[in-house]
């Protein structure tokens, strides 16, 4: 960059480059059938009541939303077993994560995070001038909670955790979170990003509400983008102690969620509950089927607790992803996370998954040099997309 006056922290950040869209691939390659399995979206949504709620709310788009977000906070509090005062609403989960950085990170503060996880944590920390310490993943591609615990010091101010983790889909032992919360300094906080929690068995996850109500320095971040199928509506929320919610609301922009997103969120939590649960069950069933099929191809599959599958390939992931792209399948190569021969694929519908499996099987039969051109290397691999 050549813009004068920019903060050094801005210059240190990596530019966000999203995964390819269906429209972009159709424009570049002229393909008719394209399956997007690269951004972990819900293929069965938006659900009927959510869609109708957004249509009905369009007529009010000239008015700001209720700044208190009372109705949706009440609904979320009931689901999570906390009070409405423990809920903050945001413009996507990313809005909540940005608020965490504003609240808790200053220049020179120490931040801990896993080496292979959602890329926005690092960029937020860089922007705030933090000293970032990355902890390598363990042999199971899971977050090394013992390693994180050992890295905690008196200078630690924030620990970023994604559970289930993106891009690997793994979860850490639920009890290990408490062991970290027990030793961090009073001025340090753990941010628990649970964007994919609805796809994991509850017993595999920490009891975040209990820990928060017990007064632990924990903030849970959730989203409506995945299980609830509202990625385009940009709606997220946080769960924390009341005084933390007040701080987050203070640093966030006013009216930091839009009317359409709020209307759809209320609908999916009430009228669309059964449709949402059916879709989740379909995703879980397809996740297991696709994982088995990948295993039958001789590929190493990491057991997933998310709506995507992380697997090893015999070829460089960028090249393989490029070949799949030319066959109309968008996936996520994981070289940017340090896994040069790994792919992350979203669990789609049965038809979409079959299309992917057939394309992958055909692609694996090609020579190792196939797909090594510019298109294969054109996919972003910085790990920023969800």
Protein backbone atom coordinates (compact mmCIF):
# COMPACT_ATOMS: atom_id res chain seq x y z
CA UNK A 1 0.00 0.00 0.00
CA UNK A 2 1.11 3.58 -0.70
CA UNK A 3 -1.60 5.45 1.25
CA UNK A 4 0.08 7.95 3.54
CA UNK A 5 -0.90 8.02 7.19
CA UNK A 6 -2.03 4.41 7.49
CA UNK A 7 -1.31 2.78 10.82
CA UNK A 8 1.56 0.25 10.70
CA UNK A 9 -0.88 -2.36 11.99
CA UNK A 10 -3.05 -1.91 8.90
CA UNK A 11 -0.03 -2.47 6.67
CA UNK A 12 0.72 -5.73 8.50
CA UNK A 13 -2.68 -7.23 7.72
CA UNK A 14 -3.45 -9.68 4.93
CA UNK A 15 -6.12 -8.61 2.46
CA UNK A 16 -9.32 -10.61 2.76
CA UNK A 17 -10.03 -12.59 -0.42
CA UNK A 18 -13.28 -14.59 -0.33
CA UNK A 19 -13.78 -17.98 -1.93
CA UNK A 20 -15.13 -18.08 -5.46
CA UNK A 21 -18.84 -17.59 -6.04
CA UNK A 22 -21.01 -19.55 -8.46
CA UNK A 23 -21.43 -16.44 -10.61
CA UNK A 24 -17.67 -15.87 -10.76
CA UNK A 25 -16.94 -19.45 -11.83
CA UNK A 26 -19.70 -19.39 -14.44
CA UNK A 27 -18.32 -16.15 -15.84
CA UNK A 28 -14.71 -17.38 -15.94
CA UNK A 29 -15.23 -20.97 -17.07
CA UNK A 30 -18.60 -20.90 -18.83
CA UNK A 31 -19.90 -23.88 -16.87
CA UNK A 32 -23.62 -24.54 -16.55
CA UNK A 33 -23.64 -26.82 -13.50
CA UNK A 34 -21.67 -25.52 -10.52
CA UNK A 35 -21.79 -26.80 -6.96
CA UNK A 36 -20.48 -24.47 -4.27
CA UNK A 37 -19.01 -26.46 -1.39
CA UNK A 38 -16.35 -24.02 -0.24
CA UNK A 39 -17.97 -21.64 2.25
CA UNK A 40 -19.87 -23.92 4.67
CA UNK A 41 -23.32 -22.56 3.84
CA UNK A 42 -26.57 -24.38 4.56
CA UNK A 43 -27.94 -25.82 1.28
CA UNK A 44 -31.49 -26.27 2.62
CA UNK A 45 -32.07 -22.67 3.67
CA UNK A 46 -33.49 -20.08 3.86
CA UNK A 47 -36.35 -21.83 5.62
CA UNK A 48 -39.97 -20.90 4.75
CA UNK A 49 -40.91 -18.72 7.73
CA UNK A 50 -37.54 -16.94 7.66
CA UNK A 51 -37.97 -16.15 3.98
CA UNK A 52 -41.48 -14.83 4.52
CA UNK A 53 -40.36 -12.76 7.50
CA UNK A 54 -37.68 -11.07 5.40
CA UNK A 55 -40.16 -10.35 2.61
CA UNK A 56 -42.57 -8.81 5.08
CA UNK A 57 -39.85 -6.69 6.66
CA UNK A 58 -38.61 -5.15 3.40
CA UNK A 59 -41.31 -2.48 3.65
CA UNK A 60 -39.70 -1.25 6.89
CA UNK A 61 -36.18 -1.02 5.46
CA UNK A 62 -36.32 2.79 5.69
CA UNK A 63 -36.48 2.55 9.50
CA UNK A 64 -33.75 1.64 11.97
CA UNK A 65 -34.33 -1.58 13.93
CA UNK A 66 -35.11 -1.77 17.64
CA UNK A 67 -31.73 -0.97 19.16
CA UNK A 68 -32.45 -3.17 22.19
CA UNK A 69 -33.19 -6.28 20.07
CA UNK A 70 -35.46 -7.40 22.90
CA UNK A 71 -37.46 -10.13 21.16
CA UNK A 72 -34.54 -12.05 19.72
CA UNK A 73 -32.51 -11.65 22.92
CA UNK A 74 -35.34 -13.22 24.91
CA UNK A 75 -35.50 -16.16 22.50
CA UNK A 76 -31.75 -16.73 22.53
CA UNK A 77 -31.56 -16.43 26.31
CA UNK A 78 -34.19 -19.15 26.66
CA UNK A 79 -32.30 -21.47 24.31
CA UNK A 80 -28.93 -20.89 25.98
CA UNK A 81 -30.13 -20.94 29.59
CA UNK A 82 -29.01 -17.41 30.46
CA UNK A 83 -30.74 -14.05 30.88
CA UNK A 84 -31.35 -11.52 28.09
CA UNK A 85 -28.76 -9.33 29.79
CA UNK A 86 -26.18 -12.00 28.88
CA UNK A 87 -26.86 -11.69 25.13
CA UNK A 88 -25.39 -9.19 22.64
CA UNK A 89 -26.49 -9.02 19.00
CA UNK A 90 -24.09 -8.28 16.14
CA UNK A 91 -23.72 -7.92 12.40
CA UNK A 92 -22.66 -11.54 11.87
CA UNK A 93 -20.34 -13.38 14.21
CA UNK A 94 -17.55 -11.27 12.73
CA UNK A 95 -19.07 -8.15 14.28
CA UNK A 96 -18.86 -9.80 17.68
CA UNK A 97 -15.26 -10.91 17.11
CA UNK A 98 -14.30 -7.36 16.12
CA UNK A 99 -15.87 -6.10 19.35
CA UNK A 100 -13.69 -8.55 21.30
CA UNK A 101 -10.57 -7.03 19.81
CA UNK A 102 -11.71 -3.50 20.57
CA UNK A 103 -12.57 -4.40 24.15
CA UNK A 104 -9.59 -6.46 25.22
CA UNK A 105 -6.53 -6.03 22.97
CA UNK A 106 -4.07 -3.14 23.10
CA UNK A 107 -0.65 -2.59 21.51
CA UNK A 108 1.86 -5.15 22.76
CA UNK A 109 -0.74 -7.34 24.49
CA UNK A 110 -0.21 -11.08 24.20
CA UNK A 111 -2.77 -13.09 22.26
CA UNK A 112 -2.82 -16.89 21.98
CA UNK A 113 -4.41 -18.83 19.13
CA UNK A 114 -4.07 -22.20 17.38
CA UNK A 115 -1.89 -22.31 14.27
CA UNK A 116 -4.67 -23.64 12.02
CA UNK A 117 -7.93 -21.87 12.73
CA UNK A 118 -10.26 -19.14 11.47
CA UNK A 119 -8.02 -16.44 9.97
CA UNK A 120 -9.94 -13.42 11.24
CA UNK A 121 -8.62 -13.90 14.79
CA UNK A 122 -5.09 -13.16 13.68
CA UNK A 123 -6.10 -10.18 11.56
CA UNK A 124 -8.12 -8.59 14.37
CA UNK A 125 -5.20 -9.11 16.74
CA UNK A 126 -2.76 -7.60 14.24
CA UNK A 127 -4.97 -4.56 13.76
CA UNK A 128 -5.01 -3.93 17.50
CA UNK A 129 -1.20 -4.22 17.69
CA UNK A 130 -1.07 -7.48 19.65
CA UNK A 131 1.86 -9.84 20.04
CA UNK A 132 0.51 -13.07 18.55
CA UNK A 133 1.61 -16.49 19.80
CA UNK A 134 0.51 -19.43 17.66
CA UNK A 135 0.24 -22.89 19.21
CA UNK A 136 0.74 -25.84 16.79
CA UNK A 137 -2.15 -28.23 16.31
CA UNK A 138 -1.85 -31.72 17.76
CA UNK A 139 -1.46 -34.91 15.72
CA UNK A 140 -5.24 -35.30 15.42
CA UNK A 141 -5.56 -31.84 13.80
CA UNK A 142 -7.20 -30.67 17.00
CA UNK A 143 -6.44 -27.60 19.09
CA UNK A 144 -3.65 -28.44 21.55
CA UNK A 145 -5.28 -27.28 24.77
CA UNK A 146 -2.32 -28.39 26.89
CA UNK A 147 -0.03 -26.40 24.65
CA UNK A 148 -2.27 -23.35 25.00
CA UNK A 149 -2.41 -23.80 28.75
CA UNK A 150 1.37 -23.95 28.91
CA UNK A 151 1.69 -20.75 26.87
CA UNK A 152 -0.46 -18.65 29.22
CA UNK A 153 1.56 -15.94 30.96
CA UNK A 154 0.99 -12.81 32.98
CA UNK A 155 0.97 -10.86 29.69
CA UNK A 156 -1.82 -12.92 28.11
CA UNK A 157 -4.92 -10.84 27.38
CA UNK A 158 -6.98 -12.92 24.92
CA UNK A 159 -7.18 -16.54 23.80
CA UNK A 160 -9.05 -17.31 20.58
CA UNK A 161 -10.69 -20.75 20.34
CA UNK A 162 -12.84 -22.10 17.51
CA UNK A 163 -14.84 -25.17 18.57
CA UNK A 164 -15.61 -27.09 16.37
CA UNK A 165 -12.48 -25.81 14.72
CA UNK A 166 -12.36 -24.34 11.23
CA UNK A 167 -10.92 -25.82 8.97
CA UNK A 168 -10.38 -29.21 10.63
CA UNK A 169 -13.87 -29.79 12.12
CA UNK A 170 -12.39 -31.17 15.35
CA UNK A 171 -13.41 -30.43 18.94
CA UNK A 172 -11.30 -30.27 22.07
CA UNK A 173 -12.08 -32.12 25.29
CA UNK A 174 -14.86 -30.15 27.01
CA UNK A 175 -13.15 -30.29 30.40
CA UNK A 176 -9.94 -28.76 29.09
CA UNK A 177 -11.54 -25.32 28.74
CA UNK A 178 -12.10 -25.07 32.49
CA UNK A 179 -8.45 -25.87 33.16
CA UNK A 180 -7.43 -22.86 31.05
CA UNK A 181 -10.04 -20.55 32.56
CA UNK A 182 -8.76 -21.46 36.02
CA UNK A 183 -5.19 -20.27 35.36
CA UNK A 184 -5.51 -17.20 33.11
CA UNK A 185 -4.87 -13.77 34.65
CA UNK A 186 -7.88 -11.83 35.90
CA UNK A 187 -7.46 -9.43 32.98
CA UNK A 188 -7.36 -12.19 30.35
CA UNK A 189 -10.35 -13.58 28.43
CA UNK A 190 -11.17 -16.62 26.34
CA UNK A 191 -13.24 -16.08 23.19
CA UNK A 192 -15.03 -19.31 22.28
CA UNK A 193 -16.21 -19.13 18.66
CA UNK A 194 -18.96 -21.75 18.31
CA UNK A 195 -20.12 -21.04 14.75
CA UNK A 196 -20.52 -24.78 14.08
CA UNK A 197 -21.77 -25.90 17.51
CA UNK A 198 -25.20 -26.97 16.24
CA UNK A 199 -23.55 -29.77 14.25
CA UNK A 200 -21.77 -31.32 17.25
CA UNK A 201 -23.28 -33.50 20.01
CA UNK A 202 -23.87 -31.31 23.10
CA UNK A 203 -21.78 -33.67 25.23
CA UNK A 204 -18.77 -32.95 23.00
CA UNK A 205 -18.90 -29.23 23.81
CA UNK A 206 -18.17 -27.23 26.98
CA UNK A 207 -21.10 -26.00 29.07
CA UNK A 208 -20.50 -22.39 28.10
CA UNK A 209 -23.57 -20.98 29.88
CA UNK A 210 -22.66 -22.58 33.21
CA UNK A 211 -19.09 -21.29 32.99
CA UNK A 212 -20.26 -17.77 32.15
CA UNK A 213 -22.86 -17.69 34.93
CA UNK A 214 -20.17 -18.92 37.35
CA UNK A 215 -18.25 -15.75 36.54
CA UNK A 216 -15.51 -17.19 34.34
CA UNK A 217 -13.73 -14.91 31.87
CA UNK A 218 -15.41 -16.53 28.88
CA UNK A 219 -17.30 -15.13 25.90
CA UNK A 220 -19.16 -17.44 23.52
CA UNK A 221 -19.71 -16.22 19.97
CA UNK A 222 -22.47 -17.74 17.84
CA UNK A 223 -23.87 -17.21 14.36
CA UNK A 224 -27.06 -17.61 12.33
CA UNK A 225 -25.00 -18.27 9.18
CA UNK A 226 -24.54 -22.03 9.44
CA UNK A 227 -27.26 -24.23 10.98
CA UNK A 228 -29.86 -21.46 10.74
CA UNK A 229 -29.03 -20.82 7.07
CA UNK A 230 -28.85 -17.01 7.15
CA UNK A 231 -25.29 -16.36 5.94
CA UNK A 232 -26.44 -13.53 3.69
CA UNK A 233 -28.51 -11.88 6.40
CA UNK A 234 -25.41 -11.30 8.59
CA UNK A 235 -26.61 -12.02 12.11
CA UNK A 236 -24.58 -13.18 15.10
CA UNK A 237 -24.61 -12.96 18.85
CA UNK A 238 -22.46 -13.27 21.93
CA UNK A 239 -23.02 -14.79 25.37
CA UNK A 240 -21.16 -13.30 28.32
CA UNK A 241 -21.45 -11.74 31.77
CA UNK A 242 -23.70 -8.69 31.87
CA UNK A 243 -20.87 -6.18 32.35
CA UNK A 244 -19.05 -7.63 29.33
CA UNK A 245 -22.20 -7.35 27.21
CA UNK A 246 -22.41 -3.68 28.17
CA UNK A 247 -18.80 -3.12 27.10
CA UNK A 248 -19.34 -4.91 23.78
CA UNK A 249 -22.47 -2.91 23.03
CA UNK A 250 -20.55 0.28 23.83
CA UNK A 251 -17.77 -0.37 21.30
CA UNK A 252 -20.11 -1.72 18.60
CA UNK A 253 -21.79 0.50 16.02
CA UNK A 254 -25.38 1.57 16.76
CA UNK A 255 -28.07 -0.61 15.18
CA UNK A 256 -25.44 -3.27 14.49
CA UNK A 257 -27.88 -5.76 12.96
CA UNK A 258 -30.31 -5.15 10.11
CA UNK A 259 -34.10 -5.46 10.14
CA UNK A 260 -34.24 -8.33 7.65
CA UNK A 261 -31.70 -10.37 9.56
CA UNK A 262 -33.46 -9.84 12.89
CA UNK A 263 -36.86 -10.75 11.40
CA UNK A 264 -35.43 -13.92 9.86
CA UNK A 265 -33.62 -14.77 13.09
CA UNK A 266 -36.81 -14.56 15.13
CA UNK A 267 -38.64 -16.69 12.57
CA UNK A 268 -36.00 -19.43 12.46
CA UNK A 269 -35.97 -19.63 16.28
CA UNK A 270 -39.75 -20.02 16.41
CA UNK A 271 -41.72 -21.04 13.31
CA UNK A 272 -38.80 -22.68 11.48
CA UNK A 273 -37.46 -24.81 14.34
CA UNK A 274 -38.65 -28.12 12.88
CA UNK A 275 -37.44 -27.32 9.36
CA UNK A 276 -34.08 -26.29 10.74
CA UNK A 277 -33.75 -29.46 12.81
CA UNK A 278 -34.65 -31.63 9.80
CA UNK A 279 -32.01 -29.89 7.71
CA UNK A 280 -29.40 -30.40 10.41
CA UNK A 281 -30.17 -34.11 10.55
CA UNK A 282 -29.81 -34.36 6.78
CA UNK A 283 -26.44 -32.60 6.95
CA UNK A 284 -25.23 -34.93 9.71
CA UNK A 285 -26.36 -37.99 7.75
CA UNK A 286 -24.67 -36.78 4.57
CA UNK A 287 -21.53 -35.86 6.52
CA UNK A 288 -21.15 -39.48 7.62
CA UNK A 289 -21.96 -40.88 4.17
CA UNK A 290 -19.52 -38.61 2.34
CA UNK A 291 -16.84 -39.31 4.95
CA UNK A 292 -17.25 -43.04 4.34
CA UNK A 293 -17.09 -42.57 0.57
CA UNK A 294 -13.90 -40.54 0.87
CA UNK A 295 -12.41 -43.24 3.07
CA UNK A 296 -13.31 -45.86 0.47
CA UNK A 297 -11.27 -43.83 -2.04
CA UNK A 298 -8.27 -44.35 0.20
CA UNK A 299 -8.27 -40.78 1.55
CA UNK A 300 -7.61 -39.93 5.19
CA UNK A 301 -10.67 -38.22 6.66
CA UNK A 302 -10.62 -36.30 9.94
CA UNK A 303 -13.78 -37.03 11.99
CA UNK A 304 -15.90 -33.89 11.74
CA UNK A 305 -18.22 -32.20 14.22
CA UNK A 306 -19.10 -29.41 11.77
CA UNK A 307 -20.99 -29.06 8.48
CA UNK A 308 -17.83 -29.68 6.48
CA UNK A 309 -15.24 -32.43 6.06
CA UNK A 310 -11.46 -32.06 6.18
CA UNK A 311 -9.51 -34.73 4.32
CA UNK A 312 -5.99 -35.46 3.07
CA UNK A 313 -5.24 -35.91 -0.65
CA UNK A 314 -2.34 -37.50 -2.54
CA UNK A 315 -1.90 -34.30 -4.53
CA UNK A 316 -1.27 -30.68 -3.67
CA UNK A 317 -4.60 -29.25 -2.54
CA UNK A 318 -4.40 -26.13 -4.72
CA UNK A 319 -3.91 -28.26 -7.83
CA UNK A 320 -6.68 -30.67 -6.91
CA UNK A 321 -9.05 -27.81 -6.10
CA UNK A 322 -8.26 -26.28 -9.49
CA UNK A 323 -9.17 -29.53 -11.25
CA UNK A 324 -12.40 -29.78 -9.29
CA UNK A 325 -13.21 -26.17 -10.12
CA UNK A 326 -12.96 -26.90 -13.84
CA UNK A 327 -15.42 -29.73 -13.28
CA UNK A 328 -17.84 -27.34 -11.57
CA UNK A 329 -17.09 -28.03 -7.90
CA UNK A 330 -15.92 -25.27 -5.55
CA UNK A 331 -14.02 -26.56 -2.50
CA UNK A 332 -11.50 -25.04 -0.10
CA UNK A 333 -7.80 -25.99 -0.36
CA UNK A 334 -6.12 -25.74 3.04
CA UNK A 335 -2.56 -24.79 2.15
CA UNK A 336 -3.04 -21.40 3.79
CA UNK A 337 -3.49 -23.18 7.10
CA UNK A 338 -0.31 -25.20 6.61
CA UNK A 339 -2.01 -28.31 5.22
CA UNK A 340 -0.66 -28.40 1.67
CA UNK A 341 -2.42 -31.67 0.78
CA UNK A 342 -5.74 -31.14 2.53
CA UNK A 343 -9.18 -30.09 1.31
CA UNK A 344 -12.15 -28.75 3.23
CA UNK A 345 -15.48 -29.51 1.61
CA UNK A 346 -18.89 -28.33 2.77
CA UNK A 347 -21.60 -30.95 3.25
CA UNK A 348 -24.23 -30.16 0.64
CA UNK A 349 -27.39 -31.91 -0.47
CA UNK A 350 -27.24 -35.55 -1.55
CA UNK A 351 -27.20 -34.47 -5.19
CA UNK A 352 -24.44 -31.90 -4.63
CA UNK A 353 -22.36 -34.36 -2.64
CA UNK A 354 -22.69 -37.04 -5.32
CA UNK A 355 -21.59 -34.54 -7.96
CA UNK A 356 -18.54 -33.71 -5.83
CA UNK A 357 -17.66 -37.35 -5.18
CA UNK A 358 -17.89 -38.25 -8.86
CA UNK A 359 -15.76 -35.25 -9.85
CA UNK A 360 -13.19 -36.05 -7.16
CA UNK A 361 -12.94 -39.69 -8.22
CA UNK A 362 -12.39 -38.66 -11.83
CA UNK A 363 -9.88 -35.98 -10.81
CA UNK A 364 -7.79 -38.35 -8.71
CA UNK A 365 -7.30 -40.52 -11.78
CA UNK A 366 -5.59 -37.69 -13.67
CA UNK A 367 -1.85 -37.15 -13.68
CA UNK A 368 -0.11 -35.28 -10.87
CA UNK A 369 0.69 -32.43 -13.24
CA UNK A 370 -2.95 -31.78 -14.18
CA UNK A 371 -4.51 -28.65 -12.77
CA UNK A 372 -1.23 -26.87 -12.04
CA UNK A 373 -2.06 -23.76 -14.08
CA UNK A 374 -3.06 -20.28 -12.94
CA UNK A 375 -6.68 -21.21 -12.21
CA UNK A 376 -5.60 -23.93 -9.82
CA UNK A 377 -3.42 -21.51 -7.93
CA UNK A 378 -5.97 -18.69 -8.11
CA UNK A 379 -8.04 -19.88 -5.16
CA UNK A 380 -7.45 -17.91 -1.99
CA UNK A 381 -5.82 -20.02 0.71
CA UNK A 382 -5.43 -17.50 3.52
CA UNK A 383 -7.99 -19.24 5.70
CA UNK A 384 -10.22 -16.20 6.17
CA UNK A 385 -13.48 -17.54 4.79
CA UNK A 386 -15.83 -19.46 7.00
